[in-house]
Amino acid sequence: MDLQGFLLRARVLKLYRQALRAARKAPHDSRAELKQVIKQEMESNRDCKDRQKIRFLISEGTERLKGLTEMLGMQGHC
């Protein structure tokens, strides 16, 4: 893996950790389902090698995380 691939991988893992942390703040009755959705989304794109698509998915995931944190009242935590 070259440096650019390594950096993209690091961004993906950071986004994943942030999403799982945000899920911990969700109401107890929906927390497990939210974590499962996050894991499924990440797993469905696990084998993606197209760097442009990976950048797009990171951008999309960041926006979705921002919406989630705002919905959960956690502004400024991502």
PDB file of N, CA and C in Angstrom:
ATOM      1  N   MET A   1       0.857  -1.173   0.000  1.00  0.00           N
ATOM      2  CA  MET A   1       0.000   0.000   0.000  1.00  0.00           C
ATOM      3  C   MET A   1       0.907   1.242   0.000  1.00  0.00           C
ATOM      4  N   ASP A   2       0.595   2.173  -0.878  1.00  0.00           N
ATOM      5  CA  ASP A   2       1.384   3.397  -0.922  1.00  0.00           C
ATOM      6  C   ASP A   2       0.883   4.403   0.126  1.00  0.00           C
ATOM      7  N   LEU A   3       1.548   5.530   0.212  1.00  0.00           N
ATOM      8  CA  LEU A   3       1.213   6.527   1.232  1.00  0.00           C
ATOM      9  C   LEU A   3      -0.218   7.031   1.085  1.00  0.00           C
ATOM     10  N   GLN A   4      -0.636   7.315  -0.143  1.00  0.00           N
ATOM     11  CA  GLN A   4      -1.995   7.820  -0.351  1.00  0.00           C
ATOM     12  C   GLN A   4      -3.034   6.788   0.087  1.00  0.00           C
ATOM     13  N   GLY A   5      -2.801   5.524  -0.215  1.00  0.00           N
ATOM     14  CA  GLY A   5      -3.711   4.466   0.217  1.00  0.00           C
ATOM     15  C   GLY A   5      -3.747   4.343   1.727  1.00  0.00           C
ATOM     16  N   PHE A   6      -2.588   4.469   2.338  1.00  0.00           N
ATOM     17  CA  PHE A   6      -2.506   4.417   3.798  1.00  0.00           C
ATOM     18  C   PHE A   6      -3.295   5.561   4.433  1.00  0.00           C
ATOM     19  N   LEU A   7      -3.160   6.767   3.866  1.00  0.00           N
ATOM     20  CA  LEU A   7      -3.869   7.926   4.414  1.00  0.00           C
ATOM     21  C   LEU A   7      -5.381   7.802   4.231  1.00  0.00           C
ATOM     22  N   LEU A   8      -5.806   7.271   3.081  1.00  0.00           N
ATOM     23  CA  LEU A   8      -7.241   7.054   2.875  1.00  0.00           C
ATOM     24  C   LEU A   8      -7.780   6.036   3.875  1.00  0.00           C
ATOM     25  N   ARG A   9      -7.023   4.981   4.082  1.00  0.00           N
ATOM     26  CA  ARG A   9      -7.436   3.952   5.044  1.00  0.00           C
ATOM     27  C   ARG A   9      -7.569   4.554   6.441  1.00  0.00           C
ATOM     28  N   ALA A  10      -6.632   5.414   6.812  1.00  0.00           N
ATOM     29  CA  ALA A  10      -6.681   6.065   8.122  1.00  0.00           C
ATOM     30  C   ALA A  10      -7.929   6.947   8.243  1.00  0.00           C
ATOM     31  N   ARG A  11      -8.281   7.641   7.169  1.00  0.00           N
ATOM     32  CA  ARG A  11      -9.489   8.490   7.198  1.00  0.00           C
ATOM     33  C   ARG A  11     -10.751   7.646   7.352  1.00  0.00           C
ATOM     34  N   VAL A  12     -10.778   6.515   6.661  1.00  0.00           N
ATOM     35  CA  VAL A  12     -11.940   5.622   6.759  1.00  0.00           C
ATOM     36  C   VAL A  12     -12.080   5.096   8.189  1.00  0.00           C
ATOM     37  N   LEU A  13     -10.981   4.651   8.769  1.00  0.00           N
ATOM     38  CA  LEU A  13     -11.031   4.109  10.129  1.00  0.00           C
ATOM     39  C   LEU A  13     -11.415   5.179  11.141  1.00  0.00           C
ATOM     40  N   LYS A  14     -10.934   6.398  10.944  1.00  0.00           N
ATOM     41  CA  LYS A  14     -11.294   7.502  11.839  1.00  0.00           C
ATOM     42  C   LYS A  14     -12.800   7.771  11.765  1.00  0.00           C
ATOM     43  N   LEU A  15     -13.334   7.800  10.550  1.00  0.00           N
ATOM     44  CA  LEU A  15     -14.772   8.019  10.368  1.00  0.00           C
ATOM     45  C   LEU A  15     -15.572   6.901  11.034  1.00  0.00           C
ATOM     46  N   TYR A  16     -15.123   5.670  10.872  1.00  0.00           N
ATOM     47  CA  TYR A  16     -15.801   4.519  11.473  1.00  0.00           C
ATOM     48  C   TYR A  16     -15.824   4.646  13.002  1.00  0.00           C
ATOM     49  N   ARG A  17     -14.684   4.983  13.593  1.00  0.00           N
ATOM     50  CA  ARG A  17     -14.620   5.141  15.052  1.00  0.00           C
ATOM     51  C   ARG A  17     -15.527   6.282  15.524  1.00  0.00           C
ATOM     52  N   GLN A  18     -15.529   7.389  14.787  1.00  0.00           N
ATOM     53  CA  GLN A  18     -16.380   8.516  15.152  1.00  0.00           C
ATOM     54  C   GLN A  18     -17.863   8.123  15.082  1.00  0.00           C
ATOM     55  N   ALA A  19     -18.228   7.377  14.058  1.00  0.00           N
ATOM     56  CA  ALA A  19     -19.622   6.953  13.908  1.00  0.00           C
ATOM     57  C   ALA A  19     -20.035   6.018  15.047  1.00  0.00           C
ATOM     58  N   LEU A  20     -19.156   5.094  15.405  1.00  0.00           N
ATOM     59  CA  LEU A  20     -19.488   4.184  16.514  1.00  0.00           C
ATOM     60  C   LEU A  20     -19.578   4.943  17.834  1.00  0.00           C
ATOM     61  N   ARG A  21     -18.707   5.951  18.026  1.00  0.00           N
ATOM     62  CA  ARG A  21     -18.792   6.776  19.246  1.00  0.00           C
ATOM     63  C   ARG A  21     -20.102   7.537  19.280  1.00  0.00           C
ATOM     64  N   ALA A  22     -20.516   8.082  18.151  1.00  0.00           N
ATOM     65  CA  ALA A  22     -21.783   8.811  18.083  1.00  0.00           C
ATOM     66  C   ALA A  22     -22.951   7.875  18.384  1.00  0.00           C
ATOM     67  N   ALA A  23     -22.869   6.639  17.899  1.00  0.00           N
ATOM     68  CA  ALA A  23     -23.941   5.665  18.134  1.00  0.00           C
ATOM     69  C   ALA A  23     -24.113   5.381  19.625  1.00  0.00           C
ATOM     70  N   ARG A  24     -23.039   5.482  20.385  1.00  0.00           N
ATOM     71  CA  ARG A  24     -23.144   5.257  21.828  1.00  0.00           C
ATOM     72  C   ARG A  24     -24.012   6.304  22.515  1.00  0.00           C
ATOM     73  N   LYS A  25     -24.171   7.452  21.865  1.00  0.00           N
ATOM     74  CA  LYS A  25     -24.971   8.539  22.439  1.00  0.00           C
ATOM     75  C   LYS A  25     -26.445   8.441  22.048  1.00  0.00           C
ATOM     76  N   ALA A  26     -26.767   7.497  21.185  1.00  0.00           N
ATOM     77  CA  ALA A  26     -28.157   7.315  20.747  1.00  0.00           C
ATOM     78  C   ALA A  26     -28.982   6.735  21.890  1.00  0.00           C
ATOM     79  N   PRO A  27     -30.297   6.925  21.830  1.00  0.00           N
ATOM     80  CA  PRO A  27     -31.158   6.307  22.851  1.00  0.00           C
ATOM     81  C   PRO A  27     -30.918   4.798  22.916  1.00  0.00           C
ATOM     82  N   HIS A  28     -30.982   4.262  24.105  1.00  0.00           N
ATOM     83  CA  HIS A  28     -30.640   2.855  24.337  1.00  0.00           C
ATOM     84  C   HIS A  28     -31.398   1.901  23.415  1.00  0.00           C
ATOM     85  N   ASP A  29     -32.684   2.170  23.181  1.00  0.00           N
ATOM     86  CA  ASP A  29     -33.491   1.247  22.382  1.00  0.00           C
ATOM     87  C   ASP A  29     -33.117   1.232  20.896  1.00  0.00           C
ATOM     88  N   SER A  30     -32.402   2.236  20.422  1.00  0.00           N
ATOM     89  CA  SER A  30     -32.011   2.242  19.003  1.00  0.00           C
ATOM     90  C   SER A  30     -30.507   2.108  18.799  1.00  0.00           C
ATOM     91  N   ARG A  31     -29.751   2.046  19.862  1.00  0.00           N
ATOM     92  CA  ARG A  31     -28.284   2.022  19.793  1.00  0.00           C
ATOM     93  C   ARG A  31     -27.752   0.808  19.023  1.00  0.00           C
ATOM     94  N   ALA A  32     -28.226  -0.374  19.350  1.00  0.00           N
ATOM     95  CA  ALA A  32     -27.725  -1.597  18.703  1.00  0.00           C
ATOM     96  C   ALA A  32     -28.032  -1.586  17.204  1.00  0.00           C
ATOM     97  N   GLU A  33     -29.222  -1.150  16.849  1.00  0.00           N
ATOM     98  CA  GLU A  33     -29.595  -1.107  15.434  1.00  0.00           C
ATOM     99  C   GLU A  33     -28.728  -0.101  14.678  1.00  0.00           C
ATOM    100  N   LEU A  34     -28.479   1.046  15.284  1.00  0.00           N
ATOM    101  CA  LEU A  34     -27.642   2.059  14.653  1.00  0.00           C
ATOM    102  C   LEU A  34     -26.220   1.545  14.444  1.00  0.00           C
ATOM    103  N   LYS A  35     -25.656   0.886  15.448  1.00  0.00           N
ATOM    104  CA  LYS A  35     -24.319   0.314  15.308  1.00  0.00           C
ATOM    105  C   LYS A  35     -24.286  -0.727  14.197  1.00  0.00           C
ATOM    106  N   GLN A  36     -25.328  -1.528  14.095  1.00  0.00           N
ATOM    107  CA  GLN A  36     -25.393  -2.546  13.049  1.00  0.00           C
ATOM    108  C   GLN A  36     -25.430  -1.910  11.666  1.00  0.00           C
ATOM    109  N   VAL A  37     -26.196  -0.832  11.506  1.00  0.00           N
ATOM    110  CA  VAL A  37     -26.271  -0.136  10.222  1.00  0.00           C
ATOM    111  C   VAL A  37     -24.900   0.432   9.853  1.00  0.00           C
ATOM    112  N   ILE A  38     -24.216   1.029  10.819  1.00  0.00           N
ATOM    113  CA  ILE A  38     -22.882   1.580  10.581  1.00  0.00           C
ATOM    114  C   ILE A  38     -21.926   0.474  10.122  1.00  0.00           C
ATOM    115  N   LYS A  39     -21.938  -0.634  10.826  1.00  0.00           N
ATOM    116  CA  LYS A  39     -21.057  -1.748  10.469  1.00  0.00           C
ATOM    117  C   LYS A  39     -21.386  -2.300   9.085  1.00  0.00           C
ATOM    118  N   GLN A  40     -22.670  -2.416   8.755  1.00  0.00           N
ATOM    119  CA  GLN A  40     -23.074  -2.922   7.445  1.00  0.00           C
ATOM    120  C   GLN A  40     -22.617  -1.986   6.327  1.00  0.00           C
ATOM    121  N   GLU A  41     -22.761  -0.685   6.549  1.00  0.00           N
ATOM    122  CA  GLU A  41     -22.321   0.291   5.543  1.00  0.00           C
ATOM    123  C   GLU A  41     -20.823   0.158   5.285  1.00  0.00           C
ATOM    124  N   MET A  42     -20.053   0.066   6.353  1.00  0.00           N
ATOM    125  CA  MET A  42     -18.605  -0.055   6.200  1.00  0.00           C
ATOM    126  C   MET A  42     -18.243  -1.382   5.520  1.00  0.00           C
ATOM    127  N   GLU A  43     -18.871  -2.432   5.941  1.00  0.00           N
ATOM    128  CA  GLU A  43     -18.569  -3.761   5.394  1.00  0.00           C
ATOM    129  C   GLU A  43     -18.937  -3.853   3.911  1.00  0.00           C
ATOM    130  N   SER A  44     -20.026  -3.206   3.517  1.00  0.00           N
ATOM    131  CA  SER A  44     -20.467  -3.294   2.121  1.00  0.00           C
ATOM    132  C   SER A  44     -19.468  -2.636   1.165  1.00  0.00           C
ATOM    133  N   ASN A  45     -18.637  -1.740   1.682  1.00  0.00           N
ATOM    134  CA  ASN A  45     -17.645  -1.066   0.843  1.00  0.00           C
ATOM    135  C   ASN A  45     -16.215  -1.477   1.170  1.00  0.00           C
ATOM    136  N   ARG A  46     -16.068  -2.511   1.939  1.00  0.00           N
ATOM    137  CA  ARG A  46     -14.756  -2.957   2.412  1.00  0.00           C
ATOM    138  C   ARG A  46     -13.761  -3.238   1.281  1.00  0.00           C
ATOM    139  N   ASP A  47     -14.220  -3.828   0.204  1.00  0.00           N
ATOM    140  CA  ASP A  47     -13.330  -4.241  -0.869  1.00  0.00           C
ATOM    141  C   ASP A  47     -13.179  -3.197  -1.977  1.00  0.00           C
ATOM    142  N   CYS A  48     -13.691  -1.999  -1.754  1.00  0.00           N
ATOM    143  CA  CYS A  48     -13.585  -0.931  -2.753  1.00  0.00           C
ATOM    144  C   CYS A  48     -12.119  -0.525  -2.912  1.00  0.00           C
ATOM    145  N   LYS A  49     -11.646  -0.500  -4.140  1.00  0.00           N
ATOM    146  CA  LYS A  49     -10.252  -0.120  -4.434  1.00  0.00           C
ATOM    147  C   LYS A  49     -10.173   1.211  -5.182  1.00  0.00           C
ATOM    148  N   ASP A  50     -11.316   1.692  -5.657  1.00  0.00           N
ATOM    149  CA  ASP A  50     -11.376   2.931  -6.432  1.00  0.00           C
ATOM    150  C   ASP A  50     -11.221   4.130  -5.485  1.00  0.00           C
ATOM    151  N   ARG A  51     -10.082   4.788  -5.557  1.00  0.00           N
ATOM    152  CA  ARG A  51      -9.779   5.873  -4.614  1.00  0.00           C
ATOM    153  C   ARG A  51     -10.748   7.041  -4.731  1.00  0.00           C
ATOM    154  N   GLN A  52     -11.200   7.315  -5.929  1.00  0.00           N
ATOM    155  CA  GLN A  52     -12.173   8.402  -6.100  1.00  0.00           C
ATOM    156  C   GLN A  52     -13.480   8.050  -5.395  1.00  0.00           C
ATOM    157  N   LYS A  53     -13.917   6.810  -5.543  1.00  0.00           N
ATOM    158  CA  LYS A  53     -15.146   6.376  -4.873  1.00  0.00           C
ATOM    159  C   LYS A  53     -14.947   6.380  -3.355  1.00  0.00           C
ATOM    160  N   ILE A  54     -13.779   5.978  -2.885  1.00  0.00           N
ATOM    161  CA  ILE A  54     -13.496   5.983  -1.448  1.00  0.00           C
ATOM    162  C   ILE A  54     -13.578   7.408  -0.907  1.00  0.00           C
ATOM    163  N   ARG A  55     -12.991   8.368  -1.636  1.00  0.00           N
ATOM    164  CA  ARG A  55     -13.069   9.773  -1.203  1.00  0.00           C
ATOM    165  C   ARG A  55     -14.523  10.239  -1.148  1.00  0.00           C
ATOM    166  N   PHE A  56     -15.305   9.853  -2.159  1.00  0.00           N
ATOM    167  CA  PHE A  56     -16.720  10.205  -2.172  1.00  0.00           C
ATOM    168  C   PHE A  56     -17.443   9.600  -0.968  1.00  0.00           C
ATOM    169  N   LEU A  57     -17.170   8.332  -0.691  1.00  0.00           N
ATOM    170  CA  LEU A  57     -17.824   7.660   0.434  1.00  0.00           C
ATOM    171  C   LEU A  57     -17.429   8.295   1.770  1.00  0.00           C
ATOM    172  N   ILE A  58     -16.170   8.712   1.896  1.00  0.00           N
ATOM    173  CA  ILE A  58     -15.730   9.400   3.114  1.00  0.00           C
ATOM    174  C   ILE A  58     -16.498  10.705   3.267  1.00  0.00           C
ATOM    175  N   SER A  59     -16.607  11.453   2.185  1.00  0.00           N
ATOM    176  CA  SER A  59     -17.336  12.723   2.216  1.00  0.00           C
ATOM    177  C   SER A  59     -18.804  12.506   2.582  1.00  0.00           C
ATOM    178  N   GLU A  60     -19.414  11.523   1.946  1.00  0.00           N
ATOM    179  CA  GLU A  60     -20.814  11.200   2.232  1.00  0.00           C
ATOM    180  C   GLU A  60     -20.985  10.749   3.684  1.00  0.00           C
ATOM    181  N   GLY A  61     -20.085   9.911   4.144  1.00  0.00           N
ATOM    182  CA  GLY A  61     -20.143   9.423   5.521  1.00  0.00           C
ATOM    183  C   GLY A  61     -19.953  10.540   6.532  1.00  0.00           C
ATOM    184  N   THR A  62     -19.075  11.478   6.227  1.00  0.00           N
ATOM    185  CA  THR A  62     -18.846  12.615   7.118  1.00  0.00           C
ATOM    186  C   THR A  62     -20.106  13.465   7.231  1.00  0.00           C
ATOM    187  N   GLU A  63     -20.767  13.691   6.108  1.00  0.00           N
ATOM    188  CA  GLU A  63     -22.015  14.465   6.127  1.00  0.00           C
ATOM    189  C   GLU A  63     -23.108  13.727   6.908  1.00  0.00           C
ATOM    190  N   ARG A  64     -23.188  12.434   6.721  1.00  0.00           N
ATOM    191  CA  ARG A  64     -24.190  11.643   7.455  1.00  0.00           C
ATOM    192  C   ARG A  64     -23.889  11.646   8.953  1.00  0.00           C
ATOM    193  N   LEU A  65     -22.607  11.558   9.296  1.00  0.00           N
ATOM    194  CA  LEU A  65     -22.213  11.605  10.704  1.00  0.00           C
ATOM    195  C   LEU A  65     -22.552  12.966  11.306  1.00  0.00           C
ATOM    196  N   LYS A  66     -22.307  14.014  10.552  1.00  0.00           N
ATOM    197  CA  LYS A  66     -22.638  15.368  11.017  1.00  0.00           C
ATOM    198  C   LYS A  66     -24.138  15.471  11.311  1.00  0.00           C
ATOM    199  N   GLY A  67     -24.955  14.952  10.404  1.00  0.00           N
ATOM    200  CA  GLY A  67     -26.403  14.955  10.616  1.00  0.00           C
ATOM    201  C   GLY A  67     -26.801  14.152  11.839  1.00  0.00           C
ATOM    202  N   LEU A  68     -26.164  13.009  12.021  1.00  0.00           N
ATOM    203  CA  LEU A  68     -26.464  12.167  13.173  1.00  0.00           C
ATOM    204  C   LEU A  68     -26.100  12.862  14.480  1.00  0.00           C
ATOM    205  N   THR A  69     -24.914  13.450  14.520  1.00  0.00           N
ATOM    206  CA  THR A  69     -24.486  14.114  15.757  1.00  0.00           C
ATOM    207  C   THR A  69     -25.367  15.316  16.067  1.00  0.00           C
ATOM    208  N   GLU A  70     -25.800  16.039  15.031  1.00  0.00           N
ATOM    209  CA  GLU A  70     -26.720  17.161  15.257  1.00  0.00           C
ATOM    210  C   GLU A  70     -28.052  16.659  15.785  1.00  0.00           C
ATOM    211  N   MET A  71     -28.520  15.558  15.217  1.00  0.00           N
ATOM    212  CA  MET A  71     -29.790  14.989  15.655  1.00  0.00           C
ATOM    213  C   MET A  71     -29.711  14.526  17.117  1.00  0.00           C
ATOM    214  N   LEU A  72     -28.546  14.012  17.495  1.00  0.00           N
ATOM    215  CA  LEU A  72     -28.377  13.522  18.859  1.00  0.00           C
ATOM    216  C   LEU A  72     -27.958  14.632  19.826  1.00  0.00           C
ATOM    217  N   GLY A  73     -27.828  15.869  19.309  1.00  0.00           N
ATOM    218  CA  GLY A  73     -27.478  16.985  20.166  1.00  0.00           C
ATOM    219  C   GLY A  73     -26.028  16.991  20.599  1.00  0.00           C
ATOM    220  N   MET A  74     -25.136  16.546  19.695  1.00  0.00           N
ATOM    221  CA  MET A  74     -23.726  16.451  20.036  1.00  0.00           C
ATOM    222  C   MET A  74     -22.879  17.363  19.162  1.00  0.00           C
ATOM    223  N   GLN A  75     -23.350  18.564  18.857  1.00  0.00           N
ATOM    224  CA  GLN A  75     -22.620  19.471  17.974  1.00  0.00           C
ATOM    225  C   GLN A  75     -21.197  19.679  18.482  1.00  0.00           C
ATOM    226  N   GLY A  76     -20.286  19.764  17.524  1.00  0.00           N
ATOM    227  CA  GLY A  76     -18.899  20.021  17.850  1.00  0.00           C
ATOM    228  C   GLY A  76     -18.096  18.799  18.249  1.00  0.00           C
ATOM    229  N   HIS A  77     -18.660  17.614  18.131  1.00  0.00           N
ATOM    230  CA  HIS A  77     -17.948  16.410  18.554  1.00  0.00           C
ATOM    231  C   HIS A  77     -17.358  15.609  17.408  1.00  0.00           C
ATOM    232  N   CYS A  78     -17.391  16.141  16.166  1.00  0.00           N
ATOM    233  CA  CYS A  78     -16.770  15.375  15.079  1.00  0.00           C
ATOM    234  C   CYS A  78     -15.832  16.172  14.283  1.00  0.00           C
TER     235      CYS A  78
END
